[in-house]
Each structure stands twice: as C-alpha cells, then as structure tokens.
C-alpha cells in the first residue's frame, strides 16, 4: 500500500511517467473504455459507461465539431492535416479526440474552451464508441 501511494505521489508531483506524450484511449474494442490511459490534467468528465441515451452525431455532435473544431481542423485551417469535417474523419481520430478533450488540450491556439455541456456531450458520445447516429 505504501509503495502504491509513493508511486501515485511521484506521478502527481512529476507528471506522467513517460515523456512520450499522452497515451491515446483505445476506442476500437467493444466494451468499456480503458480509463487508465485517459490521465486527465483537468477535471475529468468522462462517463464510466455509456448511458441509455447516446448523444446523436447528426443532431448534437456534428454541430459541436463545426463550431469548435472546424476553424482549425478543416481545409485552410492550421490543423488541416487532421480534418474533423466528416463523421469518417472524426471516427478515425476518436481515441485521440477523447484524450485531447479530456485533458483540456483542445481547442488549442487560443480557442475558447468547450462549454461544459458540449464537452460532456462529446465525451459521452466517444465513450459510447462514437456511433453514426
């Protein structure tokens, strides 16, 4: 128990044990998301499981991406090499997106942070394996 507390204290004081950057959550496998790889540096709002009512990509999620991500993640943007302008593009980056949003790394470049409700909607949708609904 003391060793575990010492390790946790070291991680807390020194940051992540690896300098390889954040680990990316694997959302490709069915079942619950492995939260051990989603180490948040800001208040985590990632649901532990998928709720009965899954946010809709078409009716909720796409609009959040359009408002908060398209300025950079579309043709002509500073991150055009990682476009998030279609469901397929978002789905391909879902693990990275979960980690980046949960660690408050996105939006970056001075972009306004996600409103709490938008952040929760995105994280919930991602935990539910990002359905095209």
Protein backbone atom coordinates (compact mmCIF):
# COMPACT_ATOMS: atom_id res chain seq x y z
CA UNK A 1 0.00 0.00 0.00
CA UNK A 2 2.80 2.42 0.89
CA UNK A 3 4.57 1.66 -2.39
CA UNK A 4 1.37 2.38 -4.34
CA UNK A 5 0.95 5.72 -2.54
CA UNK A 6 4.58 6.61 -3.26
CA UNK A 7 4.10 5.88 -6.97
CA UNK A 8 0.91 7.93 -7.10
CA UNK A 9 2.63 10.80 -5.27
CA UNK A 10 5.55 10.69 -7.72
CA UNK A 11 3.21 10.76 -10.70
CA UNK A 12 1.25 13.62 -9.17
CA UNK A 13 4.36 15.65 -8.39
CA UNK A 14 6.34 14.87 -11.54
CA UNK A 15 3.63 14.30 -14.12
CA UNK A 16 3.15 11.24 -16.25
CA UNK A 17 5.88 8.60 -16.01
CA UNK A 18 6.53 8.82 -19.75
CA UNK A 19 7.68 11.72 -21.91
CA UNK A 20 6.04 10.16 -24.96
CA UNK A 21 3.02 12.45 -24.64
CA UNK A 22 -0.46 11.42 -23.64
CA UNK A 23 -1.49 7.85 -24.17
CA UNK A 24 -4.46 7.53 -26.50
CA UNK A 25 -7.60 5.74 -25.39
CA UNK A 26 -8.41 2.64 -27.47
CA UNK A 27 -11.98 3.03 -28.60
CA UNK A 28 -11.81 0.32 -31.24
CA UNK A 29 -12.66 -2.58 -28.94
CA UNK A 30 -16.18 -3.14 -27.72
CA UNK A 31 -16.82 -2.75 -24.03
CA UNK A 32 -15.85 -0.07 -21.54
CA UNK A 33 -13.13 2.46 -22.30
CA UNK A 34 -9.83 1.76 -20.51
CA UNK A 35 -9.70 4.85 -18.34
CA UNK A 36 -6.17 4.03 -17.16
CA UNK A 37 -4.88 5.62 -20.38
CA UNK A 38 -7.04 8.71 -20.07
CA UNK A 39 -5.00 10.58 -17.48
CA UNK A 40 -6.60 13.97 -17.16
CA UNK A 41 -4.79 17.17 -16.22
CA UNK A 42 -8.10 18.98 -15.87
CA UNK A 43 -11.39 17.96 -14.30
CA UNK A 44 -12.36 14.68 -15.94
CA UNK A 45 -15.92 14.36 -17.07
CA UNK A 46 -15.56 11.08 -18.95
CA UNK A 47 -18.53 8.89 -18.09
CA UNK A 48 -17.58 5.48 -16.72
CA UNK A 49 -20.05 3.79 -19.05
CA UNK A 50 -22.34 4.56 -21.94
CA UNK A 51 -25.72 5.88 -20.76
CA UNK A 52 -29.02 4.60 -22.14
CA UNK A 53 -29.45 7.77 -24.21
CA UNK A 54 -26.46 8.21 -26.52
CA UNK A 55 -25.78 11.70 -27.93
CA UNK A 56 -26.58 11.91 -31.63
CA UNK A 57 -23.78 12.63 -34.08
CA UNK A 58 -26.18 14.18 -36.59
CA UNK A 59 -28.19 16.25 -34.11
CA UNK A 60 -25.62 17.22 -31.46
CA UNK A 61 -22.02 16.16 -32.03
CA UNK A 62 -21.53 17.41 -35.61
CA UNK A 63 -22.64 20.90 -34.58
CA UNK A 64 -20.09 20.97 -31.73
CA UNK A 65 -17.31 19.95 -34.12
CA UNK A 66 -18.48 22.56 -36.62
CA UNK A 67 -18.43 25.36 -34.06
CA UNK A 68 -15.35 24.45 -32.05
CA UNK A 69 -13.11 22.33 -34.32
CA UNK A 70 -13.63 23.43 -37.92
CA UNK A 71 -11.74 26.71 -37.56
CA UNK A 72 -8.53 24.63 -37.37
CA UNK A 73 -9.47 21.10 -38.47
CA UNK A 74 -10.75 21.74 -41.99
CA UNK A 75 -9.35 22.87 -45.35
CA UNK A 76 -7.34 26.04 -44.85
CA UNK A 77 -7.11 25.63 -41.07
CA UNK A 78 -3.92 25.38 -39.05
CA UNK A 79 -4.58 21.66 -38.48
CA UNK A 80 -5.96 20.83 -41.92
CA UNK A 81 -3.84 17.66 -41.92
CA UNK A 82 -6.24 16.28 -39.27
CA UNK A 83 -9.63 17.16 -40.74
CA UNK A 84 -12.64 16.69 -38.48
CA UNK A 85 -15.24 17.78 -41.01
CA UNK A 86 -16.92 14.42 -41.65
CA UNK A 87 -18.09 11.54 -39.48
CA UNK A 88 -15.49 9.21 -41.00
CA UNK A 89 -12.66 11.64 -40.21
CA UNK A 90 -13.88 12.11 -36.64
CA UNK A 91 -14.34 8.36 -36.17
CA UNK A 92 -10.79 7.69 -37.35
CA UNK A 93 -9.42 10.08 -34.69
CA UNK A 94 -11.84 9.20 -31.86
CA UNK A 95 -9.21 7.93 -29.37
CA UNK A 96 -7.04 11.00 -29.85
CA UNK A 97 -10.08 13.28 -29.64
CA UNK A 98 -11.20 11.72 -26.34
CA UNK A 99 -7.77 12.17 -24.81
CA UNK A 100 -7.27 15.69 -26.16
CA UNK A 101 -10.67 16.93 -24.97
CA UNK A 102 -10.45 15.20 -21.60
CA UNK A 103 -7.01 16.71 -20.94
CA UNK A 104 -8.25 20.17 -21.98
CA UNK A 105 -5.70 20.26 -24.81
CA UNK A 106 -8.35 21.10 -27.38
CA UNK A 107 -9.42 23.51 -28.59
CA UNK A 108 -5.93 24.98 -28.69
CA UNK A 109 -4.30 28.02 -30.27
CA UNK A 110 -6.24 30.37 -28.05
CA UNK A 111 -9.60 28.87 -28.96
CA UNK A 112 -12.32 29.18 -26.38
CA UNK A 113 -12.66 26.06 -24.22
CA UNK A 114 -15.65 23.82 -24.78
CA UNK A 115 -18.68 24.77 -22.72
CA UNK A 116 -19.18 22.09 -20.05
CA UNK A 117 -22.32 20.76 -21.76
CA UNK A 118 -20.55 20.41 -25.14
CA UNK A 119 -17.55 18.71 -23.53
CA UNK A 120 -19.80 16.23 -21.72
CA UNK A 121 -21.77 15.53 -24.92
CA UNK A 122 -18.58 14.78 -26.87
CA UNK A 123 -17.02 12.64 -24.15
CA UNK A 124 -20.24 10.68 -23.67
CA UNK A 125 -20.57 10.09 -27.42
CA UNK A 126 -16.96 8.93 -27.61
CA UNK A 127 -17.33 6.55 -24.64
CA UNK A 128 -20.34 5.08 -26.44
CA UNK A 129 -17.97 4.15 -29.32
CA UNK A 130 -18.82 7.18 -31.47
CA UNK A 131 -21.88 5.83 -33.29
CA UNK A 132 -23.00 7.32 -36.60
CA UNK A 133 -26.46 8.09 -35.27
